[in-house]
Amino acid sequence: MFDHTVVAVHFESPYQPLLDAIGELHKFGAKQFTLVDVLRIDDPDDLSESHRAEARRRLAQKQSDLQAAGYQVDIQQPIGFPAPELAKIGRGYGAQLILLGSRGEGLLREFYHGSTVLELARQTALPVLMERIDPDPNTFGHGETFQRPMLATDFSKKAAAAQSLALDIGERTGALTVLHVTDEDSRTEGQERLKQFAEQAEGRGIEVTTRLETGTPSRVIRHVAEKERSSMVVVGKRGDGPGREIALGSTAQQVCRNCPCSVLLVPNEQGIWIR
């Protein structure tokens, strides 16, 4: 499913959560990992010889540790701005996933300043998995990201890829929660769409829990994720708003910022990444 995963790391950042996520992805069939530590071109400290040497040493040590655990791992230490560098490396390697850490509302300063997570999601055509560094204690912990996945979908064409990937994940885990947020006038149509999707999932051996809700989508997604104790929310990343919002929908942005669990952002383009 995610044969080759690019993993954003930084030697000053909490690292164990990403290690746990790598282990879980390996169980899902991931075969190769590329660890990437981007040295910021606008940060003199990052570009000092001593910092670069120490960062390289720690990156190589992480590579060695993972190889000793049986993983295929290579490392990259480009100089530039994190989001475009990660997107370029993911594209160049033909990866199926980019994995990084996040601390919710503030995001990680340790992950190269706050806006990188959303900027990366805008710039890449690959799925992006944001692993919570400090997950909500009422949800699942590190290494359990795929235990209770939840798909949040509006059933639009732009959500088709997220729906497809959620089904693949549900087939592996055996269970999937499906949330559709609509308005009062569209509840009947929404219920029918949920029923059809549930039948499709059940046909693949997945135990499905459906939720039909009304309200502000991002707030409802957070509430249901907490209620269902979801370990991960799968959501399509494309939106209909003006300007840059076309590249990352406002709902997806708010889910990234506020959701208590990990978030898997899936692009709507077909044929760019391989399941």
C-alpha atoms as a PDB file:
ATOM      1  CA  MET A   1       0.000   0.000   0.000  1.00  0.00           C
ATOM      2  CA  PHE A   2       2.744   2.430   1.012  1.00  0.00           C
ATOM      3  CA  ASP A   3       5.739   0.551  -0.375  1.00  0.00           C
ATOM      4  CA  HIS A   4       8.063   3.556  -0.218  1.00  0.00           C
ATOM      5  CA  THR A   5       7.531   6.163   2.491  1.00  0.00           C
ATOM      6  CA  VAL A   6       9.393   9.462   2.882  1.00  0.00           C
ATOM      7  CA  VAL A   7       9.801  10.330   6.575  1.00  0.00           C
ATOM      8  CA  ALA A   8      10.493  13.914   7.651  1.00  0.00           C
ATOM      9  CA  VAL A   9      12.811  13.949  10.668  1.00  0.00           C
ATOM     10  CA  HIS A  10      14.794  16.527  12.596  1.00  0.00           C
ATOM     11  CA  PHE A  11      17.321  15.605  15.230  1.00  0.00           C
ATOM     12  CA  GLU A  12      15.901  18.239  17.602  1.00  0.00           C
ATOM     13  CA  SER A  13      12.370  16.806  17.290  1.00  0.00           C
ATOM     14  CA  PRO A  14      10.657  14.018  19.257  1.00  0.00           C
ATOM     15  CA  TYR A  15      11.586  10.978  17.209  1.00  0.00           C
ATOM     16  CA  GLN A  16      10.073   7.923  18.897  1.00  0.00           C
ATOM     17  CA  PRO A  17       6.510   8.574  17.605  1.00  0.00           C
ATOM     18  CA  LEU A  18       7.776   8.497  14.039  1.00  0.00           C
ATOM     19  CA  LEU A  19       9.747   5.319  14.762  1.00  0.00           C
ATOM     20  CA  ASP A  20       6.547   3.728  16.056  1.00  0.00           C
ATOM     21  CA  ALA A  21       4.696   4.841  12.921  1.00  0.00           C
ATOM     22  CA  ILE A  22       7.421   3.344  10.722  1.00  0.00           C
ATOM     23  CA  GLY A  23       7.019   0.038  12.532  1.00  0.00           C
ATOM     24  CA  GLU A  24       3.277   0.096  11.976  1.00  0.00           C
ATOM     25  CA  LEU A  25       3.649   0.976   8.287  1.00  0.00           C
ATOM     26  CA  HIS A  26       6.080  -1.917   7.924  1.00  0.00           C
ATOM     27  CA  LYS A  27       3.390  -4.255   9.218  1.00  0.00           C
ATOM     28  CA  PHE A  28       1.136  -2.839   6.502  1.00  0.00           C
ATOM     29  CA  GLY A  29       3.650  -3.894   3.866  1.00  0.00           C
ATOM     30  CA  ALA A  30       5.890  -0.821   3.575  1.00  0.00           C
ATOM     31  CA  LYS A  31       9.268  -1.958   2.289  1.00  0.00           C
ATOM     32  CA  GLN A  32      11.473   1.117   2.045  1.00  0.00           C
ATOM     33  CA  PHE A  33      11.858   4.349   3.990  1.00  0.00           C
ATOM     34  CA  THR A  34      13.740   7.540   3.155  1.00  0.00           C
ATOM     35  CA  LEU A  35      14.606   9.707   6.154  1.00  0.00           C
ATOM     36  CA  VAL A  36      14.804  13.394   5.231  1.00  0.00           C
ATOM     37  CA  ASP A  37      16.221  16.192   7.387  1.00  0.00           C
ATOM     38  CA  VAL A  38      15.906  19.492   5.530  1.00  0.00           C
ATOM     39  CA  LEU A  39      18.450  22.132   6.540  1.00  0.00           C
ATOM     40  CA  ARG A  40      16.703  25.462   6.206  1.00  0.00           C
ATOM     41  CA  ILE A  41      18.454  27.767   3.778  1.00  0.00           C
ATOM     42  CA  ASP A  42      17.219  30.811   5.749  1.00  0.00           C
ATOM     43  CA  ASP A  43      18.541  29.567   9.116  1.00  0.00           C
ATOM     44  CA  PRO A  44      22.255  30.313   9.691  1.00  0.00           C
ATOM     45  CA  ASP A  45      22.374  27.807  12.552  1.00  0.00           C
ATOM     46  CA  ASP A  46      21.183  25.006  10.277  1.00  0.00           C
ATOM     47  CA  LEU A  47      23.893  25.853   7.731  1.00  0.00           C
ATOM     48  CA  SER A  48      26.833  25.982  10.133  1.00  0.00           C
ATOM     49  CA  GLU A  49      29.416  23.254   9.575  1.00  0.00           C
ATOM     50  CA  SER A  50      29.096  21.951  13.126  1.00  0.00           C
ATOM     51  CA  HIS A  51      25.309  21.729  12.934  1.00  0.00           C
ATOM     52  CA  ARG A  52      25.360  20.037   9.536  1.00  0.00           C
ATOM     53  CA  ALA A  53      27.908  17.470  10.717  1.00  0.00           C
ATOM     54  CA  GLU A  54      25.994  16.687  13.906  1.00  0.00           C
ATOM     55  CA  ALA A  55      22.662  16.487  12.076  1.00  0.00           C
ATOM     56  CA  ARG A  56      24.210  14.133   9.518  1.00  0.00           C
ATOM     57  CA  ARG A  57      25.682  11.959  12.260  1.00  0.00           C
ATOM     58  CA  ARG A  58      22.331  11.634  14.026  1.00  0.00           C
ATOM     59  CA  LEU A  59      20.529  10.970  10.770  1.00  0.00           C
ATOM     60  CA  ALA A  60      23.010   8.210   9.939  1.00  0.00           C
ATOM     61  CA  GLN A  61      22.522   6.765  13.425  1.00  0.00           C
ATOM     62  CA  LYS A  62      18.761   6.631  12.889  1.00  0.00           C
ATOM     63  CA  GLN A  63      19.360   4.913   9.576  1.00  0.00           C
ATOM     64  CA  SER A  64      21.637   2.365  11.247  1.00  0.00           C
ATOM     65  CA  ASP A  65      19.119   1.684  14.028  1.00  0.00           C
ATOM     66  CA  LEU A  66      16.310   1.071  11.551  1.00  0.00           C
ATOM     67  CA  GLN A  67      18.463  -1.106   9.318  1.00  0.00           C
ATOM     68  CA  ALA A  68      19.397  -3.179  12.345  1.00  0.00           C
ATOM     69  CA  ALA A  69      15.671  -3.660  12.958  1.00  0.00           C
ATOM     70  CA  GLY A  70      15.288  -5.041   9.429  1.00  0.00           C
ATOM     71  CA  TYR A  71      14.112  -1.984   7.496  1.00  0.00           C
ATOM     72  CA  GLN A  72      15.430  -0.768   4.132  1.00  0.00           C
ATOM     73  CA  VAL A  73      16.424   2.835   4.796  1.00  0.00           C
ATOM     74  CA  ASP A  74      18.283   5.577   2.987  1.00  0.00           C
ATOM     75  CA  ILE A  75      18.821   9.171   4.073  1.00  0.00           C
ATOM     76  CA  GLN A  76      18.702  12.626   2.500  1.00  0.00           C
ATOM     77  CA  GLN A  77      19.841  15.973   3.938  1.00  0.00           C
ATOM     78  CA  PRO A  78      18.938  18.656   1.387  1.00  0.00           C
ATOM     79  CA  ILE A  79      19.315  22.399   1.887  1.00  0.00           C
ATOM     80  CA  GLY A  80      16.293  24.535   1.120  1.00  0.00           C
ATOM     81  CA  PHE A  81      12.750  25.063   2.374  1.00  0.00           C
ATOM     82  CA  PRO A  82      11.146  21.973   3.926  1.00  0.00           C
ATOM     83  CA  ALA A  83       7.831  21.713   2.092  1.00  0.00           C
ATOM     84  CA  PRO A  84       9.148  21.900  -1.498  1.00  0.00           C
ATOM     85  CA  GLU A  85      12.172  19.734  -0.654  1.00  0.00           C
ATOM     86  CA  LEU A  86      10.016  16.996   0.866  1.00  0.00           C
ATOM     87  CA  ALA A  87       7.591  17.176  -2.044  1.00  0.00           C
ATOM     88  CA  LYS A  88      10.474  16.962  -4.536  1.00  0.00           C
ATOM     89  CA  ILE A  89      12.074  13.983  -2.803  1.00  0.00           C
ATOM     90  CA  GLY A  90       8.761  12.162  -2.563  1.00  0.00           C
ATOM     91  CA  ARG A  91       8.144  12.718  -6.242  1.00  0.00           C
ATOM     92  CA  GLY A  92      11.697  11.787  -7.218  1.00  0.00           C
ATOM     93  CA  TYR A  93      11.609   8.504  -5.342  1.00  0.00           C
ATOM     94  CA  GLY A  94       8.178   7.584  -6.633  1.00  0.00           C
ATOM     95  CA  ALA A  95       7.037   7.293  -3.004  1.00  0.00           C
ATOM     96  CA  GLN A  96       3.479   6.486  -1.994  1.00  0.00           C
ATOM     97  CA  LEU A  97       3.398   8.426   1.299  1.00  0.00           C
ATOM     98  CA  ILE A  98       5.047  11.285   3.199  1.00  0.00           C
ATOM     99  CA  LEU A  99       5.071  10.859   6.982  1.00  0.00           C
ATOM    100  CA  LEU A 100       5.700  13.668   9.439  1.00  0.00           C
ATOM    101  CA  GLY A 101       5.009  14.714  12.996  1.00  0.00           C
ATOM    102  CA  SER A 102       2.581  17.340  14.246  1.00  0.00           C
ATOM    103  CA  ARG A 103       1.511  18.808  17.585  1.00  0.00           C
ATOM    104  CA  GLY A 104      -1.952  19.938  16.542  1.00  0.00           C
ATOM    105  CA  GLU A 105      -2.882  23.600  16.852  1.00  0.00           C
ATOM    106  CA  GLY A 106       0.658  24.881  17.163  1.00  0.00           C
ATOM    107  CA  LEU A 107       2.119  22.248  14.824  1.00  0.00           C
ATOM    108  CA  LEU A 108       5.773  21.435  15.399  1.00  0.00           C
ATOM    109  CA  ARG A 109       8.354  24.147  15.660  1.00  0.00           C
ATOM    110  CA  GLU A 110      10.686  21.166  15.708  1.00  0.00           C
ATOM    111  CA  PHE A 111       9.260  20.253  12.333  1.00  0.00           C
ATOM    112  CA  TYR A 112      10.856  23.253  10.647  1.00  0.00           C
ATOM    113  CA  HIS A 113       8.408  25.980  11.766  1.00  0.00           C
ATOM    114  CA  GLY A 114       4.647  25.876  11.984  1.00  0.00           C
ATOM    115  CA  SER A 115       3.336  26.304   8.460  1.00  0.00           C
ATOM    116  CA  THR A 116       5.336  23.460   6.902  1.00  0.00           C
ATOM    117  CA  VAL A 117       2.728  20.763   7.431  1.00  0.00           C
ATOM    118  CA  LEU A 118      -0.013  22.605   5.562  1.00  0.00           C
ATOM    119  CA  GLU A 119       2.396  23.961   2.969  1.00  0.00           C
ATOM    120  CA  LEU A 120       3.607  20.427   2.223  1.00  0.00           C
ATOM    121  CA  ALA A 121       0.034  19.212   1.864  1.00  0.00           C
ATOM    122  CA  ARG A 122      -0.545  21.987  -0.685  1.00  0.00           C
ATOM    123  CA  GLN A 123       2.565  21.226  -2.711  1.00  0.00           C
ATOM    124  CA  THR A 124       2.628  17.434  -2.935  1.00  0.00           C
ATOM    125  CA  ALA A 125       0.462  15.082  -4.976  1.00  0.00           C
ATOM    126  CA  LEU A 126       1.169  12.267  -2.487  1.00  0.00           C
ATOM    127  CA  PRO A 127      -0.850  11.244   0.550  1.00  0.00           C
ATOM    128  CA  VAL A 128       0.494  12.924   3.693  1.00  0.00           C
ATOM    129  CA  LEU A 129       0.220  11.220   7.088  1.00  0.00           C
ATOM    130  CA  MET A 130       0.471  13.569  10.058  1.00  0.00           C
ATOM    131  CA  GLU A 131       1.405  11.536  13.108  1.00  0.00           C
ATOM    132  CA  ARG A 132       0.490  13.262  16.367  1.00  0.00           C
ATOM    133  CA  ILE A 133       3.529  13.720  18.593  1.00  0.00           C
ATOM    134  CA  ASP A 134       1.310  14.326  21.626  1.00  0.00           C
ATOM    135  CA  PRO A 135      -1.949  12.483  20.844  1.00  0.00           C
ATOM    136  CA  ASP A 136      -5.051  13.021  22.919  1.00  0.00           C
ATOM    137  CA  PRO A 137      -4.803  10.596  25.893  1.00  0.00           C
ATOM    138  CA  ASN A 138      -8.372   9.487  25.182  1.00  0.00           C
ATOM    139  CA  THR A 139      -7.385   8.278  21.710  1.00  0.00           C
ATOM    140  CA  PHE A 140      -4.843   5.720  20.596  1.00  0.00           C
ATOM    141  CA  GLY A 141      -1.131   6.148  21.211  1.00  0.00           C
ATOM    142  CA  HIS A 142       1.935   5.949  19.044  1.00  0.00           C
ATOM    143  CA  GLY A 143       2.208   2.888  16.849  1.00  0.00           C
ATOM    144  CA  GLU A 144      -1.583   2.497  16.772  1.00  0.00           C
ATOM    145  CA  THR A 145      -2.420   4.951  14.006  1.00  0.00           C
ATOM    146  CA  PHE A 146      -4.274   2.428  11.856  1.00  0.00           C
ATOM    147  CA  GLN A 147      -6.184   0.684  14.652  1.00  0.00           C
ATOM    148  CA  ARG A 148      -9.468   2.613  14.345  1.00  0.00           C
ATOM    149  CA  PRO A 149      -9.523   4.562  11.066  1.00  0.00           C
ATOM    150  CA  MET A 150     -12.319   6.991  10.250  1.00  0.00           C
ATOM    151  CA  LEU A 151     -13.137   8.276   6.768  1.00  0.00           C
ATOM    152  CA  ALA A 152     -14.664  11.758   6.608  1.00  0.00           C
ATOM    153  CA  THR A 153     -16.180  12.258   3.171  1.00  0.00           C
ATOM    154  CA  ASP A 154     -18.626  14.467   1.304  1.00  0.00           C
ATOM    155  CA  PHE A 155     -18.930  11.820  -1.462  1.00  0.00           C
ATOM    156  CA  SER A 156     -17.793  14.313  -4.093  1.00  0.00           C
ATOM    157  CA  LYS A 157     -15.514  13.318  -6.968  1.00  0.00           C
ATOM    158  CA  LYS A 158     -12.674  15.002  -5.084  1.00  0.00           C
ATOM    159  CA  ALA A 159     -13.163  12.577  -2.198  1.00  0.00           C
ATOM    160  CA  ALA A 160     -13.036   9.447  -4.365  1.00  0.00           C
ATOM    161  CA  ALA A 161      -9.337   8.760  -3.825  1.00  0.00           C
ATOM    162  CA  ALA A 162      -9.680   9.172  -0.048  1.00  0.00           C
ATOM    163  CA  GLN A 163     -12.644   6.792  -0.067  1.00  0.00           C
ATOM    164  CA  SER A 164     -10.679   4.224  -2.073  1.00  0.00           C
ATOM    165  CA  LEU A 165      -7.654   4.398   0.210  1.00  0.00           C
ATOM    166  CA  ALA A 166      -9.861   4.213   3.313  1.00  0.00           C
ATOM    167  CA  LEU A 167     -11.366   0.998   1.950  1.00  0.00           C
ATOM    168  CA  ASP A 168      -7.878  -0.431   1.427  1.00  0.00           C
ATOM    169  CA  ILE A 169      -6.982   0.453   5.015  1.00  0.00           C
ATOM    170  CA  GLY A 170     -10.279  -0.896   6.350  1.00  0.00           C
ATOM    171  CA  GLU A 171      -9.664  -4.162   4.544  1.00  0.00           C
ATOM    172  CA  ARG A 172      -6.389  -4.504   6.462  1.00  0.00           C
ATOM    173  CA  THR A 173      -7.784  -3.480   9.851  1.00  0.00           C
ATOM    174  CA  GLY A 174     -11.187  -5.139   9.489  1.00  0.00           C
ATOM    175  CA  ALA A 175     -13.143  -2.056  10.576  1.00  0.00           C
ATOM    176  CA  LEU A 176     -13.886   1.462   9.377  1.00  0.00           C
ATOM    177  CA  THR A 177     -15.983   4.377  10.629  1.00  0.00           C
ATOM    178  CA  VAL A 178     -17.496   6.486   7.839  1.00  0.00           C
ATOM    179  CA  LEU A 179     -18.659  10.039   8.584  1.00  0.00           C
ATOM    180  CA  HIS A 180     -20.709  12.195   6.245  1.00  0.00           C
ATOM    181  CA  VAL A 181     -21.498  15.767   7.289  1.00  0.00           C
ATOM    182  CA  THR A 182     -24.386  17.383   5.443  1.00  0.00           C
ATOM    183  CA  ASP A 183     -27.217  19.874   5.959  1.00  0.00           C
ATOM    184  CA  GLU A 184     -30.745  19.125   7.129  1.00  0.00           C
ATOM    185  CA  ASP A 185     -32.200  19.327   3.625  1.00  0.00           C
ATOM    186  CA  SER A 186     -29.800  16.670   2.328  1.00  0.00           C
ATOM    187  CA  ARG A 187     -30.040  14.085   5.096  1.00  0.00           C
ATOM    188  CA  THR A 188     -32.040  11.596   3.032  1.00  0.00           C
ATOM    189  CA  GLU A 189     -29.557  11.737   0.165  1.00  0.00           C
ATOM    190  CA  GLY A 190     -26.671  11.519   2.613  1.00  0.00           C
ATOM    191  CA  GLN A 191     -28.138   8.465   4.294  1.00  0.00           C
ATOM    192  CA  GLU A 192     -28.473   6.718   0.945  1.00  0.00           C
ATOM    193  CA  ARG A 193     -24.865   7.486   0.025  1.00  0.00           C
ATOM    194  CA  LEU A 194     -23.687   6.156   3.368  1.00  0.00           C
ATOM    195  CA  LYS A 195     -25.715   2.992   2.861  1.00  0.00           C
ATOM    196  CA  GLN A 196     -24.238   2.405  -0.585  1.00  0.00           C
ATOM    197  CA  PHE A 197     -20.701   2.965   0.635  1.00  0.00           C
ATOM    198  CA  ALA A 198     -21.241   0.696   3.643  1.00  0.00           C
ATOM    199  CA  GLU A 199     -22.480  -2.076   1.358  1.00  0.00           C
ATOM    200  CA  GLN A 200     -19.359  -1.677  -0.757  1.00  0.00           C
ATOM    201  CA  ALA A 201     -17.145  -1.882   2.325  1.00  0.00           C
ATOM    202  CA  GLU A 202     -18.983  -4.851   3.792  1.00  0.00           C
ATOM    203  CA  GLY A 203     -18.539  -6.622   0.478  1.00  0.00           C
ATOM    204  CA  ARG A 204     -14.798  -6.424   1.162  1.00  0.00           C
ATOM    205  CA  GLY A 205     -15.176  -7.887   4.638  1.00  0.00           C
ATOM    206  CA  ILE A 206     -15.023  -4.593   6.531  1.00  0.00           C
ATOM    207  CA  GLU A 207     -17.111  -3.960   9.647  1.00  0.00           C
ATOM    208  CA  VAL A 208     -18.588  -0.503   9.055  1.00  0.00           C
ATOM    209  CA  THR A 209     -19.902   2.115  11.467  1.00  0.00           C
ATOM    210  CA  THR A 210     -21.679   4.989   9.718  1.00  0.00           C
ATOM    211  CA  ARG A 211     -22.323   8.468  11.096  1.00  0.00           C
ATOM    212  CA  LEU A 212     -24.564  11.051   9.437  1.00  0.00           C
ATOM    213  CA  GLU A 213     -24.192  14.467  11.057  1.00  0.00           C
ATOM    214  CA  THR A 214     -24.994  18.118  10.416  1.00  0.00           C
ATOM    215  CA  GLY A 215     -22.954  21.167  11.341  1.00  0.00           C
ATOM    216  CA  THR A 216     -19.604  22.728  10.516  1.00  0.00           C
ATOM    217  CA  PRO A 217     -17.634  19.853   8.953  1.00  0.00           C
ATOM    218  CA  SER A 218     -14.290  20.415  10.703  1.00  0.00           C
ATOM    219  CA  ARG A 219     -15.945  20.721  14.133  1.00  0.00           C
ATOM    220  CA  VAL A 220     -18.121  17.691  13.550  1.00  0.00           C
ATOM    221  CA  ILE A 221     -15.134  15.648  12.362  1.00  0.00           C
ATOM    222  CA  ARG A 222     -13.237  16.499  15.531  1.00  0.00           C
ATOM    223  CA  HIS A 223     -16.229  15.695  17.738  1.00  0.00           C
ATOM    224  CA  VAL A 224     -16.926  12.344  16.071  1.00  0.00           C
ATOM    225  CA  ALA A 225     -13.220  11.401  16.079  1.00  0.00           C
ATOM    226  CA  GLU A 226     -13.215  11.973  19.838  1.00  0.00           C
ATOM    227  CA  LYS A 227     -16.531  10.163  20.343  1.00  0.00           C
ATOM    228  CA  GLU A 228     -15.486   7.134  18.293  1.00  0.00           C
ATOM    229  CA  ARG A 229     -11.948   7.163  19.722  1.00  0.00           C
ATOM    230  CA  SER A 230     -10.594   7.197  16.183  1.00  0.00           C
ATOM    231  CA  SER A 231      -6.868   6.655  15.779  1.00  0.00           C
ATOM    232  CA  MET A 232      -6.739   8.313  12.350  1.00  0.00           C
ATOM    233  CA  VAL A 233      -8.973  10.460  10.144  1.00  0.00           C
ATOM    234  CA  VAL A 234      -8.750   9.938   6.377  1.00  0.00           C
ATOM    235  CA  VAL A 235      -9.835  12.999   4.406  1.00  0.00           C
ATOM    236  CA  GLY A 236      -9.497  14.302   0.853  1.00  0.00           C
ATOM    237  CA  LYS A 237      -7.342  17.395   0.695  1.00  0.00           C
ATOM    238  CA  ARG A 238      -8.791  19.306  -2.265  1.00  0.00           C
ATOM    239  CA  GLY A 239     -11.227  22.153  -1.714  1.00  0.00           C
ATOM    240  CA  ASP A 240     -13.371  24.569  -3.658  1.00  0.00           C
ATOM    241  CA  GLY A 241     -12.340  27.839  -2.036  1.00  0.00           C
ATOM    242  CA  PRO A 242     -10.557  30.753  -3.723  1.00  0.00           C
ATOM    243  CA  GLY A 243      -6.848  31.001  -4.460  1.00  0.00           C
ATOM    244  CA  ARG A 244      -4.617  28.643  -2.536  1.00  0.00           C
ATOM    245  CA  GLU A 245      -7.598  27.030  -0.841  1.00  0.00           C
ATOM    246  CA  ILE A 246      -8.092  25.142  -4.094  1.00  0.00           C
ATOM    247  CA  ALA A 247      -4.927  23.242  -3.206  1.00  0.00           C
ATOM    248  CA  LEU A 248      -6.025  22.468   0.345  1.00  0.00           C
ATOM    249  CA  GLY A 249      -9.665  22.731   1.364  1.00  0.00           C
ATOM    250  CA  SER A 250     -10.581  24.772   4.414  1.00  0.00           C
ATOM    251  CA  THR A 251     -12.092  21.701   6.103  1.00  0.00           C
ATOM    252  CA  ALA A 252      -8.882  19.735   5.597  1.00  0.00           C
ATOM    253  CA  GLN A 253      -6.872  22.622   7.052  1.00  0.00           C
ATOM    254  CA  GLN A 254      -8.986  22.786  10.199  1.00  0.00           C
ATOM    255  CA  VAL A 255      -8.896  19.009  10.614  1.00  0.00           C
ATOM    256  CA  CYS A 256      -5.097  19.132  10.429  1.00  0.00           C
ATOM    257  CA  ARG A 257      -4.947  21.852  13.041  1.00  0.00           C
ATOM    258  CA  ASN A 258      -7.522  20.595  15.499  1.00  0.00           C
ATOM    259  CA  CYS A 259      -8.187  16.877  15.153  1.00  0.00           C
ATOM    260  CA  PRO A 260      -7.009  14.951  18.252  1.00  0.00           C
ATOM    261  CA  CYS A 261      -5.669  11.972  16.280  1.00  0.00           C
ATOM    262  CA  SER A 262      -3.456  11.382  13.269  1.00  0.00           C
ATOM    263  CA  VAL A 263      -4.667  12.678   9.898  1.00  0.00           C
ATOM    264  CA  LEU A 264      -4.154  11.120   6.468  1.00  0.00           C
ATOM    265  CA  LEU A 265      -4.607  13.727   3.709  1.00  0.00           C
ATOM    266  CA  VAL A 266      -5.295  12.141   0.334  1.00  0.00           C
ATOM    267  CA  PRO A 267      -5.052  14.035  -2.973  1.00  0.00           C
ATOM    268  CA  ASN A 268      -7.896  13.682  -5.430  1.00  0.00           C
ATOM    269  CA  GLU A 269      -5.691  13.195  -8.502  1.00  0.00           C
ATOM    270  CA  GLN A 270      -5.935   9.692  -9.884  1.00  0.00           C
ATOM    271  CA  GLY A 271      -2.908   7.853 -11.203  1.00  0.00           C
ATOM    272  CA  ILE A 272      -0.322  10.035  -9.420  1.00  0.00           C
ATOM    273  CA  TRP A 273       0.225   7.672  -6.523  1.00  0.00           C
ATOM    274  CA  ILE A 274      -0.094   3.915  -6.399  1.00  0.00           C
ATOM    275  CA  ARG A 275      -2.099   1.998  -3.830  1.00  0.00           C
END
